[in-house]
């Protein structure tokens, strides 16, 4: 092979070894074989840490840790040490760049599974695991066995557990420092070049970087490059002035961030209100799924009485075939491969991996809703789901039949641009000689909650049919009146939304304008054109770039006017369109 030929050629060209050199190589080889599994001070510290944090009274507890190494050789060396000191076997798993994607997924699933289901407690990883893998489910400990020169890599490592979804209040990160290092006495003029200087320099960099990261969210490529240059001997000091100035400016936005949090809280409250208004309770979603399964002639969901502290709201999904089987993909636990129950309650599923949340976009729920929509609009001779229901109410609530109409309200603006959509409820009393609109929506809601399903006799059905036909026009007028009321109520909301969109486009274009003007600083541009070493082609390219920026700047005023005009046209002359969806008749119990 080419490699063998290269070795042979190198051997022929090199001078033969003297007897003294051979003796030195033998001694080095003997020492390396003897000392290769020796536990050094860093390994001793790691072993001591593992025994203290991952074991209680000598037995494994439920804590986990990730050990990050920079090099594959260190990874293999530490793997041998951990195994020979009782930290291997089923409690140790590995991640490195040579592993296939399927193997990595197996490791990830085991580490993310509950400690009650998966015995792994230590994940030994190289930087192949520092990006794109979530490992925070049951782990808030991380140790940097080796410090990477680029602090961005360290930040990416930390991000495997210091992220959304972390259940613990605190994430603990350890990394090695010199035994004689005193953090309190770190000097600002510490310089790399020897072991103590490197440690002190890096520790000072870590402290500064942590402050900057808390303010900016990241440390930026400038600091990363400086630390790499220092470790390569090209720099002896750390210049963080520009980044710290940027961080100081960022601190001024704390008030704005607080206002954003308040806005998020208000939006969440509106979301919960909409969920209540549309009756999107877990029980309702479960009922919709069971009705759809029944229509498809499939077995129903089976309630589960208890599962590790959860006593209600859990359901076993039957084994389904065909397209229904594809809708249940993902119920198997990624580690234990056991089929998990589902719940329709977000609170029940939160923080658990032994339960699957069947939210509105879950394939099973979506398939059931599609089936229900299809059934609603089928022809009468084949449909199995009707758009008319009849319920009874106590005589204390109503004395004459009542009709409630669910409708789809769509509000459109200019160019038929859809501005708003919702489901509305309207209704009234159906007397023999009168129709009274019920304007209190809360009263109709109460009827829907209180009513008991009724399978009417033919006589009752014909009576309700005659009443409805007699008051059909009045009922439709009530529905239209409800839509007009909603449109009037939503006018201020739509105006605020239009103003907000105009403000947003103004802010974006203003920021773009300022950025281009900053780039077009004539002094800077002229200086660039006469930098030494620029070829004529490079100078021509700079001039072309400058001209392109000027053209983009000139287009901004017209673009601003066009965008604002488009937004205003979208919101112009809002019109409500109403599509009745379903009827519910309420009759007194004695009828």
Protein backbone atom coordinates (compact mmCIF):
# COMPACT_ATOMS: atom_id res chain seq x y z
CA UNK A 1 0.00 0.00 0.00
CA UNK A 2 1.00 3.66 -0.27
CA UNK A 3 1.35 3.87 3.50
CA UNK A 4 3.68 0.82 3.60
CA UNK A 5 5.80 2.25 0.79
CA UNK A 6 6.09 5.59 2.63
CA UNK A 7 7.25 3.84 5.81
CA UNK A 8 9.78 1.77 3.87
CA UNK A 9 11.14 4.85 2.09
CA UNK A 10 11.43 6.74 5.39
CA UNK A 11 13.34 3.81 6.90
CA UNK A 12 15.78 3.72 4.00
CA UNK A 13 16.48 7.48 4.16
CA UNK A 14 16.87 7.73 7.96
CA UNK A 15 20.13 7.11 9.78
CA UNK A 16 20.38 3.84 11.71
CA UNK A 17 19.81 4.07 15.50
CA UNK A 18 22.78 3.94 17.83
CA UNK A 19 22.86 1.48 20.73
CA UNK A 20 22.17 4.32 23.18
CA UNK A 21 19.11 5.48 21.23
CA UNK A 22 17.77 1.93 21.12
CA UNK A 23 18.14 1.65 24.91
CA UNK A 24 16.23 4.94 25.37
CA UNK A 25 13.38 3.71 23.15
CA UNK A 26 13.18 0.42 25.05
CA UNK A 27 13.00 2.27 28.38
CA UNK A 28 10.30 4.61 27.02
CA UNK A 29 8.24 1.68 25.72
CA UNK A 30 8.57 -0.18 29.01
CA UNK A 31 7.52 2.92 30.98
CA UNK A 32 4.55 3.57 28.66
CA UNK A 33 3.29 -0.02 28.99
CA UNK A 34 3.62 0.15 32.75
CA UNK A 35 2.02 3.55 33.22
CA UNK A 36 -0.68 3.62 30.50
CA UNK A 37 -3.47 2.54 32.91
CA UNK A 38 -2.13 4.52 35.82
CA UNK A 39 -4.73 6.77 37.43
CA UNK A 40 -3.40 10.34 37.41
CA UNK A 41 -4.59 13.16 39.67
CA UNK A 42 -7.35 14.24 37.28
CA UNK A 43 -8.71 10.70 36.98
CA UNK A 44 -8.52 10.27 40.77
CA UNK A 45 -10.54 13.46 41.20
CA UNK A 46 -13.16 12.24 38.70
CA UNK A 47 -13.43 8.82 40.39
CA UNK A 48 -13.80 10.48 43.78
CA UNK A 49 -16.47 12.81 42.37
CA UNK A 50 -18.42 9.91 40.83
CA UNK A 51 -18.40 7.96 44.08
CA UNK A 52 -19.62 11.03 45.98
CA UNK A 53 -22.36 12.22 43.63
CA UNK A 54 -23.63 9.11 41.81
CA UNK A 55 -23.66 6.68 44.72
CA UNK A 56 -25.41 6.74 48.08
CA UNK A 57 -24.07 4.34 50.73
CA UNK A 58 -22.15 2.60 47.96
CA UNK A 59 -25.23 2.03 45.78
CA UNK A 60 -26.11 3.82 42.54
CA UNK A 61 -28.62 6.64 42.99
CA UNK A 62 -30.68 8.30 40.23
CA UNK A 63 -28.20 11.09 39.36
CA UNK A 64 -26.41 11.20 36.00
CA UNK A 65 -23.35 12.95 34.59
CA UNK A 66 -21.79 13.64 31.18
CA UNK A 67 -17.98 13.49 30.91
CA UNK A 68 -16.71 15.44 27.89
CA UNK A 69 -13.25 14.79 26.46
CA UNK A 70 -11.50 16.74 23.72
CA UNK A 71 -9.65 13.81 22.18
CA UNK A 72 -10.62 10.26 21.27
CA UNK A 73 -7.44 8.95 22.92
CA UNK A 74 -8.47 10.49 26.25
CA UNK A 75 -11.94 9.06 25.72
CA UNK A 76 -10.53 5.51 25.37
CA UNK A 77 -8.12 5.99 28.30
CA UNK A 78 -10.84 7.23 30.64
CA UNK A 79 -13.17 4.43 29.50
CA UNK A 80 -10.59 1.85 30.68
CA UNK A 81 -10.10 3.61 34.01
CA UNK A 82 -13.83 3.87 34.72
CA UNK A 83 -14.38 0.22 33.81
CA UNK A 84 -11.54 -1.06 36.01
CA UNK A 85 -12.76 0.98 39.02
CA UNK A 86 -16.38 -0.20 39.11
CA UNK A 87 -17.98 2.55 37.01
CA UNK A 88 -18.49 0.54 33.81
CA UNK A 89 -20.89 -2.13 32.62
CA UNK A 90 -24.55 -1.18 32.22
CA UNK A 91 -23.96 2.11 34.06
CA UNK A 92 -21.55 3.53 31.42
CA UNK A 93 -22.30 4.49 27.81
CA UNK A 94 -20.25 6.26 25.13
CA UNK A 95 -20.72 8.80 22.36
CA UNK A 96 -18.05 9.61 19.79
CA UNK A 97 -17.78 10.62 16.15
CA UNK A 98 -17.16 7.09 14.84
CA UNK A 99 -20.59 5.88 15.91
CA UNK A 100 -23.38 5.39 13.35
CA UNK A 101 -26.53 7.56 13.72
CA UNK A 102 -28.61 4.55 14.82
CA UNK A 103 -26.11 3.74 17.58
CA UNK A 104 -26.17 7.36 18.77
CA UNK A 105 -29.99 7.29 18.97
CA UNK A 106 -29.86 4.17 21.16
CA UNK A 107 -27.46 5.90 23.57
CA UNK A 108 -29.53 9.08 23.59
CA UNK A 109 -32.74 7.15 24.30
CA UNK A 110 -31.12 5.27 27.19
CA UNK A 111 -29.68 8.45 28.73
CA UNK A 112 -32.94 10.41 28.32
CA UNK A 113 -35.07 7.60 29.78
CA UNK A 114 -36.07 7.63 33.45
CA UNK A 115 -33.36 6.26 35.80
CA UNK A 116 -35.96 3.74 36.95
CA UNK A 117 -36.10 2.31 33.42
CA UNK A 118 -32.49 2.75 32.27
CA UNK A 119 -29.45 1.88 34.45
CA UNK A 120 -27.00 4.17 32.60
CA UNK A 121 -25.57 6.85 34.91
CA UNK A 122 -22.40 8.03 33.11
CA UNK A 123 -22.13 9.22 29.52
CA UNK A 124 -18.55 9.47 28.27
CA UNK A 125 -18.60 11.70 25.19
CA UNK A 126 -16.36 13.53 22.76
CA UNK A 127 -17.41 16.80 21.09
CA UNK A 128 -19.41 14.72 18.60
CA UNK A 129 -22.16 14.92 21.24
CA UNK A 130 -21.77 18.64 21.93
CA UNK A 131 -24.16 19.77 19.19
CA UNK A 132 -27.73 18.91 18.31
CA UNK A 133 -28.42 16.36 21.08
CA UNK A 134 -30.79 16.96 24.01
CA UNK A 135 -29.62 15.19 27.18
CA UNK A 136 -31.35 17.24 29.89
CA UNK A 137 -34.25 14.98 30.91
CA UNK A 138 -32.61 13.41 33.96
CA UNK A 139 -29.12 14.97 34.05
CA UNK A 140 -27.91 18.26 35.53
CA UNK A 141 -24.22 17.32 36.06
CA UNK A 142 -21.48 17.85 33.45
CA UNK A 143 -17.69 17.58 33.72
CA UNK A 144 -15.20 18.92 31.16
CA UNK A 145 -12.40 16.37 31.43
CA UNK A 146 -10.44 18.48 28.94
CA UNK A 147 -10.97 22.17 28.21
CA UNK A 148 -11.34 23.00 24.50
CA UNK A 149 -9.39 25.99 23.23
CA UNK A 150 -12.51 27.39 21.66
CA UNK A 151 -14.92 28.45 24.45
CA UNK A 152 -17.82 28.22 22.00
CA UNK A 153 -17.29 24.44 22.07
CA UNK A 154 -17.52 24.50 25.87
CA UNK A 155 -20.71 26.51 25.61
CA UNK A 156 -22.15 23.97 23.17
CA UNK A 157 -21.28 21.16 25.57
CA UNK A 158 -23.01 22.95 28.45
CA UNK A 159 -26.04 23.44 26.22
CA UNK A 160 -26.70 19.68 26.18
CA UNK A 161 -28.18 19.95 29.70
CA UNK A 162 -28.47 23.71 30.32
CA UNK A 163 -31.54 24.11 28.14
CA UNK A 164 -35.35 24.22 28.11
CA UNK A 165 -36.77 21.06 29.62
CA UNK A 166 -34.20 20.80 32.41
CA UNK A 167 -36.16 19.67 35.49
CA UNK A 168 -33.65 20.77 38.14
CA UNK A 169 -33.33 24.36 39.36
CA UNK A 170 -29.53 24.32 39.03
CA UNK A 171 -27.17 22.89 36.42
CA UNK A 172 -23.68 22.04 37.73
CA UNK A 173 -20.64 22.29 35.43
CA UNK A 174 -17.12 21.24 36.52
CA UNK A 175 -13.80 21.63 34.73
CA UNK A 176 -10.21 21.00 35.85
CA UNK A 177 -7.93 23.74 37.24
CA UNK A 178 -4.46 23.67 38.76
CA UNK A 179 -4.32 22.41 42.33
CA UNK A 180 -2.62 25.63 43.45
CA UNK A 181 -5.02 27.97 41.64
CA UNK A 182 -6.67 30.52 43.90
CA UNK A 183 -9.64 32.09 42.12
CA UNK A 184 -9.79 34.99 44.55
CA UNK A 185 -6.21 36.01 43.76
CA UNK A 186 -6.39 35.83 39.95
CA UNK A 187 -4.39 38.67 38.42
CA UNK A 188 -5.68 40.63 35.44
CA UNK A 189 -2.18 40.59 33.95
CA UNK A 190 -1.87 36.79 34.06
CA UNK A 191 -0.34 35.58 30.81
CA UNK A 192 -0.20 32.16 29.16
CA UNK A 193 3.12 30.51 28.52
CA UNK A 194 3.56 28.05 31.39
CA UNK A 195 1.18 25.71 33.22
CA UNK A 196 0.24 28.08 36.05
CA UNK A 197 -0.04 31.00 33.67
CA UNK A 198 -2.26 29.02 31.31
CA UNK A 199 -4.55 27.98 34.14
CA UNK A 200 -4.80 31.49 35.55
CA UNK A 201 -5.34 33.00 32.09
CA UNK A 202 -8.06 30.50 31.21
CA UNK A 203 -9.79 30.89 34.58
CA UNK A 204 -9.87 34.65 34.19
CA UNK A 205 -11.25 34.19 30.68
CA UNK A 206 -13.93 31.81 32.01
CA UNK A 207 -15.08 34.33 34.63
CA UNK A 208 -15.27 37.16 32.09
CA UNK A 209 -16.96 34.96 29.52
CA UNK A 210 -19.60 33.85 32.01
CA UNK A 211 -20.53 37.47 32.73
CA UNK A 212 -20.69 38.29 29.01
CA UNK A 213 -22.75 35.17 28.27
CA UNK A 214 -25.30 36.03 30.96
CA UNK A 215 -25.83 39.41 29.30
CA UNK A 216 -25.60 38.51 25.61
CA UNK A 217 -26.59 34.84 25.58
CA UNK A 218 -23.32 33.85 23.86
CA UNK A 219 -19.66 34.81 23.97
CA UNK A 220 -19.15 35.54 20.28
CA UNK A 221 -16.46 34.55 17.83
CA UNK A 222 -14.06 37.40 18.78
CA UNK A 223 -13.40 36.10 22.30
CA UNK A 224 -13.19 32.52 21.03
CA UNK A 225 -10.54 33.48 18.49
CA UNK A 226 -8.49 35.40 21.09
CA UNK A 227 -8.34 32.42 23.44
CA UNK A 228 -7.26 30.10 20.63
CA UNK A 229 -4.54 32.59 19.65
CA UNK A 230 -3.33 32.79 23.26
CA UNK A 231 -3.08 29.01 23.59
CA UNK A 232 -1.11 28.90 20.32
CA UNK A 233 1.33 31.50 21.60
CA UNK A 234 0.18 34.29 19.28
CA UNK A 235 -1.39 36.48 21.99
CA UNK A 236 -0.60 37.18 25.62
CA UNK A 237 -3.68 39.18 26.74
CA UNK A 238 -7.45 39.00 26.44
CA UNK A 239 -9.19 42.05 24.97
CA UNK A 240 -12.87 42.01 26.00
CA UNK A 241 -13.49 45.75 26.01
CA UNK A 242 -15.69 45.86 22.91
CA UNK A 243 -17.72 42.80 23.90
CA UNK A 244 -18.14 44.03 27.50
CA UNK A 245 -19.38 47.38 26.15
CA UNK A 246 -21.91 45.50 24.07
CA UNK A 247 -22.93 43.49 27.13
CA UNK A 248 -23.34 46.68 29.17
CA UNK A 249 -25.69 48.01 26.50
CA UNK A 250 -27.60 44.71 26.58
CA UNK A 251 -28.22 45.11 30.31
CA UNK A 252 -30.25 48.22 29.55
CA UNK A 253 -32.83 46.01 27.88
CA UNK A 254 -33.77 44.23 31.11
CA UNK A 255 -36.86 46.43 31.41
CA UNK A 256 -37.87 45.61 27.84
CA UNK A 257 -37.38 41.93 28.58
CA UNK A 258 -39.62 42.25 31.62
CA UNK A 259 -42.33 43.84 29.49
CA UNK A 260 -41.95 40.99 27.01
CA UNK A 261 -42.46 38.46 29.80
CA UNK A 262 -45.59 40.30 30.88
CA UNK A 263 -46.88 40.21 27.31
CA UNK A 264 -46.19 36.48 27.10
CA UNK A 265 -48.16 36.00 30.34
CA UNK A 266 -51.11 37.92 28.90
CA UNK A 267 -50.99 35.86 25.70
CA UNK A 268 -50.91 32.67 27.75
CA UNK A 269 -53.96 33.86 29.70
CA UNK A 270 -55.76 34.51 26.39
CA UNK A 271 -54.77 31.05 25.18
CA UNK A 272 -56.27 29.48 28.31
CA UNK A 273 -59.40 31.59 27.86
CA UNK A 274 -59.76 30.46 24.23
CA UNK A 275 -59.25 26.86 25.31
CA UNK A 276 -62.14 27.25 27.74
CA UNK A 277 -64.35 29.09 25.25
CA UNK A 278 -63.91 26.39 22.62
CA UNK A 279 -64.34 23.60 25.18
CA UNK A 280 -60.93 22.12 24.34
CA UNK A 281 -60.77 20.14 27.57
CA UNK A 282 -58.95 16.78 27.69
CA UNK A 283 -62.29 15.06 28.23
CA UNK A 284 -63.78 16.60 25.06
CA UNK A 285 -60.77 15.65 22.92
CA UNK A 286 -60.88 12.11 24.31
CA UNK A 287 -64.59 11.88 23.47
CA UNK A 288 -63.94 13.07 19.90
CA UNK A 289 -61.28 10.38 19.45
CA UNK A 290 -63.54 7.66 20.81
CA UNK A 291 -66.44 8.75 18.58
CA UNK A 292 -64.14 8.66 15.53
CA UNK A 293 -62.83 5.20 16.48
CA UNK A 294 -66.41 4.00 16.84
CA UNK A 295 -67.34 5.39 13.40
CA UNK A 296 -64.29 3.62 11.94
CA UNK A 297 -65.40 0.41 13.70
CA UNK A 298 -62.21 0.32 15.76
CA UNK A 299 -61.87 -0.67 19.45
CA UNK A 300 -62.21 2.28 21.88
CA UNK A 301 -59.52 3.73 24.11
CA UNK A 302 -59.17 1.76 27.33
CA UNK A 303 -58.84 3.83 30.55
CA UNK A 304 -55.86 2.98 32.77
CA UNK A 305 -56.48 3.27 36.48
CA UNK A 306 -52.94 3.87 37.74
CA UNK A 307 -49.41 4.41 36.41
CA UNK A 308 -46.55 5.43 38.74
CA UNK A 309 -48.51 8.02 40.65
CA UNK A 310 -50.93 8.99 37.85
CA UNK A 311 -54.42 7.84 38.73
CA UNK A 312 -56.59 9.22 35.93
CA UNK A 313 -56.63 10.64 32.42
CA UNK A 314 -54.56 7.79 30.92
CA UNK A 315 -55.69 5.56 28.07
CA UNK A 316 -54.33 2.45 26.39
CA UNK A 317 -54.52 2.72 22.60
CA UNK A 318 -55.75 -0.48 20.91
CA UNK A 319 -53.60 -2.17 18.29
CA UNK A 320 -54.65 -0.55 15.01
CA UNK A 321 -53.77 -1.56 11.46
CA UNK A 322 -53.30 0.18 8.13
CA UNK A 323 -53.38 3.96 8.13
CA UNK A 324 -54.68 3.91 11.70
CA UNK A 325 -51.58 1.97 12.70
CA UNK A 326 -49.38 4.72 11.24
CA UNK A 327 -51.28 7.24 13.37
CA UNK A 328 -50.04 5.47 16.51
CA UNK A 329 -46.36 5.53 15.54
CA UNK A 330 -44.21 6.77 18.41
CA UNK A 331 -46.13 5.14 21.25
CA UNK A 332 -43.23 2.75 21.85
CA UNK A 333 -40.72 4.02 24.42
CA UNK A 334 -37.41 4.79 22.62
CA UNK A 335 -35.42 2.85 25.23
CA UNK A 336 -37.64 0.13 26.73
CA UNK A 337 -39.70 -0.24 23.50
CA UNK A 338 -42.81 -0.79 25.64
CA UNK A 339 -46.06 0.63 24.28
CA UNK A 340 -46.92 3.71 26.32
CA UNK A 341 -50.39 5.01 27.25
CA UNK A 342 -51.62 8.38 26.02
CA UNK A 343 -53.12 11.35 27.81
CA UNK A 344 -54.94 14.40 26.49
CA UNK A 345 -53.86 16.54 29.46
CA UNK A 346 -50.65 18.55 29.07
CA UNK A 347 -50.20 18.73 32.85
CA UNK A 348 -50.28 14.95 33.16
CA UNK A 349 -47.63 14.42 30.46
CA UNK A 350 -45.33 17.26 31.56
CA UNK A 351 -41.89 16.02 32.56
CA UNK A 352 -42.68 12.35 31.90
CA UNK A 353 -41.39 10.04 29.16
CA UNK A 354 -43.57 7.06 30.09
CA UNK A 355 -46.70 8.85 28.80
CA UNK A 356 -47.43 10.28 25.32
CA UNK A 357 -49.32 13.57 25.05
CA UNK A 358 -52.06 13.28 22.40
CA UNK A 359 -52.29 17.00 21.58
CA UNK A 360 -54.44 18.48 18.81
CA UNK A 361 -51.66 17.95 16.24
CA UNK A 362 -50.90 14.37 17.27
CA UNK A 363 -51.41 12.01 14.26
CA UNK A 364 -54.11 10.00 16.05
CA UNK A 365 -56.11 13.10 17.04
CA UNK A 366 -55.69 14.64 13.59
CA UNK A 367 -56.90 11.47 11.89
CA UNK A 368 -59.95 11.32 14.15
CA UNK A 369 -60.82 14.98 13.48
CA UNK A 370 -60.49 14.47 9.73
CA UNK A 371 -62.88 11.53 9.94
CA UNK A 372 -65.40 13.56 11.96
CA UNK A 373 -65.27 16.46 9.48
CA UNK A 374 -65.78 14.03 6.61
CA UNK A 375 -68.76 12.43 8.33
CA UNK A 376 -70.41 15.79 9.02
CA UNK A 377 -70.49 16.75 5.34
CA UNK A 378 -71.42 13.35 3.91
CA UNK A 379 -74.76 12.81 2.15
CA UNK A 380 -77.69 11.96 4.40
CA UNK A 381 -78.04 8.39 3.12
CA UNK A 382 -74.46 7.41 4.08
CA UNK A 383 -73.54 9.69 6.99
CA UNK A 384 -73.29 8.30 10.52
CA UNK A 385 -72.79 11.60 12.26
CA UNK A 386 -75.42 14.33 12.21
CA UNK A 387 -75.26 18.08 12.61
CA UNK A 388 -78.43 18.22 14.73
CA UNK A 389 -78.67 17.12 18.38
CA UNK A 390 -81.58 17.18 20.84
CA UNK A 391 -81.15 17.55 24.60
CA UNK A 392 -83.45 17.93 27.58
CA UNK A 393 -83.33 20.56 30.32
CA UNK A 394 -85.23 20.86 33.62
CA UNK A 395 -88.48 22.83 33.52
CA UNK A 396 -86.87 25.32 35.92
CA UNK A 397 -84.51 26.34 33.10
CA UNK A 398 -86.84 26.54 30.07
CA UNK A 399 -90.58 26.41 29.49
CA UNK A 400 -90.47 26.28 25.67
CA UNK A 401 -88.03 24.65 23.23
CA UNK A 402 -84.75 26.51 22.60
CA UNK A 403 -82.47 26.32 19.57
CA UNK A 404 -78.69 26.98 19.70
CA UNK A 405 -76.68 27.40 16.48
CA UNK A 406 -72.95 26.85 16.20
CA UNK A 407 -71.51 28.89 13.30
CA UNK A 408 -68.15 29.52 11.68
CA UNK A 409 -67.46 33.26 11.55
CA UNK A 410 -64.84 34.48 9.06
CA UNK A 411 -63.89 38.17 8.91
CA UNK A 412 -62.18 39.31 5.72
CA UNK A 413 -60.69 42.62 4.65
CA UNK A 414 -59.48 44.05 1.34
CA UNK A 415 -58.69 41.54 -1.41
CA UNK A 416 -60.63 38.96 0.63
CA UNK A 417 -57.67 38.76 3.04
CA UNK A 418 -58.74 36.66 6.05
CA UNK A 419 -58.30 38.69 9.24
CA UNK A 420 -60.05 36.55 11.84
CA UNK A 421 -61.88 33.26 12.26
CA UNK A 422 -63.78 31.76 15.18
CA UNK A 423 -66.74 29.57 16.16
CA UNK A 424 -69.76 31.53 17.46
CA UNK A 425 -72.87 30.50 19.36
CA UNK A 426 -76.31 32.08 18.96
CA UNK A 427 -79.87 31.03 19.70
CA UNK A 428 -83.37 31.79 20.96
CA UNK A 429 -86.64 30.48 22.32
CA UNK A 430 -88.98 28.72 19.87
CA UNK A 431 -92.56 29.53 20.92
CA UNK A 432 -95.63 28.52 18.95
CA UNK A 433 -96.26 32.14 18.04
CA UNK A 434 -93.02 33.93 18.95
CA UNK A 435 -89.21 33.78 18.73
CA UNK A 436 -87.09 35.45 21.44
CA UNK A 437 -83.36 35.86 20.87
CA UNK A 438 -81.19 34.79 23.81
CA UNK A 439 -78.40 37.38 23.82
CA UNK A 440 -76.65 36.02 26.94
CA UNK A 441 -74.09 33.62 25.48
CA UNK A 442 -73.29 32.37 28.97
CA UNK A 443 -76.86 31.13 29.31
CA UNK A 444 -76.59 29.14 26.07
CA UNK A 445 -73.24 27.74 27.23
CA UNK A 446 -74.86 26.66 30.48
CA UNK A 447 -77.65 24.89 28.56
CA UNK A 448 -75.04 22.98 26.52
CA UNK A 449 -73.19 21.91 29.66
CA UNK A 450 -76.39 20.99 31.51
CA UNK A 451 -78.37 19.29 28.73
CA UNK A 452 -78.89 15.54 28.64
CA UNK A 453 -78.95 13.73 25.25
CA UNK A 454 -82.39 12.67 24.05
CA UNK A 455 -83.47 10.18 21.39
CA UNK A 456 -86.75 11.89 20.43
CA UNK A 457 -90.00 10.22 19.50
CA UNK A 458 -91.33 10.85 16.02
CA UNK A 459 -93.98 13.16 17.48
CA UNK A 460 -91.39 15.32 19.30
CA UNK A 461 -89.15 15.36 16.23
CA UNK A 462 -91.96 16.54 13.95
CA UNK A 463 -92.98 19.19 16.49
CA UNK A 464 -89.42 20.63 16.68
CA UNK A 465 -89.12 20.49 12.89
CA UNK A 466 -92.34 22.53 12.47
CA UNK A 467 -91.21 25.06 15.07
CA UNK A 468 -87.81 25.51 13.40
CA UNK A 469 -89.26 25.92 9.91
CA UNK A 470 -91.70 28.48 11.29
CA UNK A 471 -88.86 30.51 12.87
CA UNK A 472 -86.03 29.65 10.45
CA UNK A 473 -85.70 33.21 9.17
CA UNK A 474 -85.68 34.64 12.69
CA UNK A 475 -83.06 32.07 13.73
CA UNK A 476 -80.79 33.02 10.82
CA UNK A 477 -81.26 36.72 11.67
CA UNK A 478 -80.12 35.92 15.23
CA UNK A 479 -77.01 34.22 13.88
CA UNK A 480 -76.20 37.21 11.65
CA UNK A 481 -76.79 39.63 14.54
CA UNK A 482 -74.32 37.63 16.65
CA UNK A 483 -71.73 37.89 13.87
CA UNK A 484 -72.24 41.67 13.60
CA UNK A 485 -71.82 41.98 17.37
CA UNK A 486 -68.55 40.07 17.20
CA UNK A 487 -67.31 42.19 14.29
CA UNK A 488 -68.05 45.38 16.21
CA UNK A 489 -66.30 43.98 19.27
CA UNK A 490 -63.25 42.98 17.18
CA UNK A 491 -62.86 46.35 15.39
CA UNK A 492 -60.48 47.72 18.03
CA UNK A 493 -58.53 44.46 18.06
CA UNK A 494 -58.12 44.54 14.27
CA UNK A 495 -57.08 48.22 14.36
CA UNK A 496 -54.46 47.46 17.02
CA UNK A 497 -53.18 44.56 14.98
CA UNK A 498 -52.91 46.76 11.87
CA UNK A 499 -51.04 49.45 13.83
CA UNK A 500 -48.70 46.82 15.27
CA UNK A 501 -47.87 45.42 11.81
CA UNK A 502 -47.17 48.94 10.50
CA UNK A 503 -44.90 49.66 13.48
CA UNK A 504 -43.07 46.38 12.92
CA UNK A 505 -42.39 47.06 9.23
CA UNK A 506 -41.26 50.61 10.09
CA UNK A 507 -38.86 49.28 12.73
CA UNK A 508 -37.39 46.64 10.39
CA UNK A 509 -36.82 49.08 7.54
CA UNK A 510 -35.46 51.75 9.89
CA UNK A 511 -32.93 49.28 11.28
CA UNK A 512 -31.97 48.27 7.74
CA UNK A 513 -31.57 51.92 6.75
CA UNK A 514 -29.30 52.68 9.72
CA UNK A 515 -27.21 49.57 9.05
CA UNK A 516 -26.67 50.47 5.38
CA UNK A 517 -25.82 54.08 6.27
CA UNK A 518 -23.25 52.80 8.75
CA UNK A 519 -21.74 50.56 6.07
CA UNK A 520 -21.67 53.48 3.64
CA UNK A 521 -19.56 55.68 5.92
CA UNK A 522 -17.59 57.44 3.16
CA UNK A 523 -14.37 57.75 5.14
CA UNK A 524 -14.28 54.01 5.80
CA UNK A 525 -15.16 53.17 2.19
CA UNK A 526 -12.46 55.44 0.81
CA UNK A 527 -9.89 53.95 3.20
CA UNK A 528 -10.82 50.45 2.04
CA UNK A 529 -10.31 51.37 -1.60
CA UNK A 530 -6.70 52.39 -0.98
CA UNK A 531 -5.62 49.60 1.34
CA UNK A 532 -2.26 48.19 0.23
CA UNK A 533 -2.39 44.91 -1.64
CA UNK A 534 -5.85 45.45 -3.18
CA UNK A 535 -5.92 44.36 -6.81
CA UNK A 536 -7.91 46.34 -9.42
CA UNK A 537 -10.50 43.56 -9.47
CA UNK A 538 -10.93 43.77 -5.67
CA UNK A 539 -11.26 47.56 -5.80
CA UNK A 540 -13.87 47.22 -8.55
CA UNK A 541 -15.78 44.71 -6.43
CA UNK A 542 -15.77 47.06 -3.43
CA UNK A 543 -17.12 49.87 -5.60
CA UNK A 544 -19.80 47.55 -6.98
CA UNK A 545 -20.81 46.54 -3.43
CA UNK A 546 -21.00 50.20 -2.39
CA UNK A 547 -23.20 51.03 -5.36
CA UNK A 548 -25.51 48.09 -4.56
CA UNK A 549 -25.87 49.34 -0.97
CA UNK A 550 -26.69 52.85 -2.18
CA UNK A 551 -29.35 51.49 -4.52
CA UNK A 552 -30.85 49.43 -1.69
CA UNK A 553 -30.89 52.52 0.55
CA UNK A 554 -32.67 54.58 -2.11
CA UNK A 555 -35.44 51.94 -2.39
CA UNK A 556 -36.31 51.93 1.31
CA UNK A 557 -38.70 54.98 1.40
CA UNK A 558 -40.81 53.62 -1.49
CA UNK A 559 -40.70 50.12 -0.01
CA UNK A 560 -41.95 51.51 3.31
CA UNK A 561 -44.89 53.25 1.61
CA UNK A 562 -45.77 50.14 -0.41
CA UNK A 563 -45.68 47.84 2.62
CA UNK A 564 -47.85 50.19 4.72
CA UNK A 565 -50.33 50.56 1.86
CA UNK A 566 -50.57 46.76 1.54
CA UNK A 567 -51.19 46.34 5.27
CA UNK A 568 -53.88 49.04 5.32
CA UNK A 569 -55.55 47.45 2.28
CA UNK A 570 -55.65 44.09 4.05
CA UNK A 571 -57.54 45.62 6.98
CA UNK A 572 -59.82 47.87 4.90
CA UNK A 573 -63.63 47.40 5.02
CA UNK A 574 -63.85 44.25 7.16
CA UNK A 575 -66.79 42.01 6.26
CA UNK A 576 -68.23 39.14 8.31
CA UNK A 577 -69.22 35.87 6.67
CA UNK A 578 -71.14 33.28 8.63
CA UNK A 579 -71.51 29.55 7.96
CA UNK A 580 -73.91 27.66 10.29
CA UNK A 581 -72.35 24.34 11.32
CA UNK A 582 -74.63 22.60 13.81
CA UNK A 583 -77.95 22.92 15.69
CA UNK A 584 -78.81 21.87 19.23
CA UNK A 585 -82.46 21.78 20.31
CA UNK A 586 -83.29 21.93 24.02
CA UNK A 587 -86.71 20.76 25.19
CA UNK A 588 -88.27 20.71 28.68
CA UNK A 589 -87.94 17.30 30.34
CA UNK A 590 -91.71 16.73 30.54
CA UNK A 591 -91.98 17.06 26.74
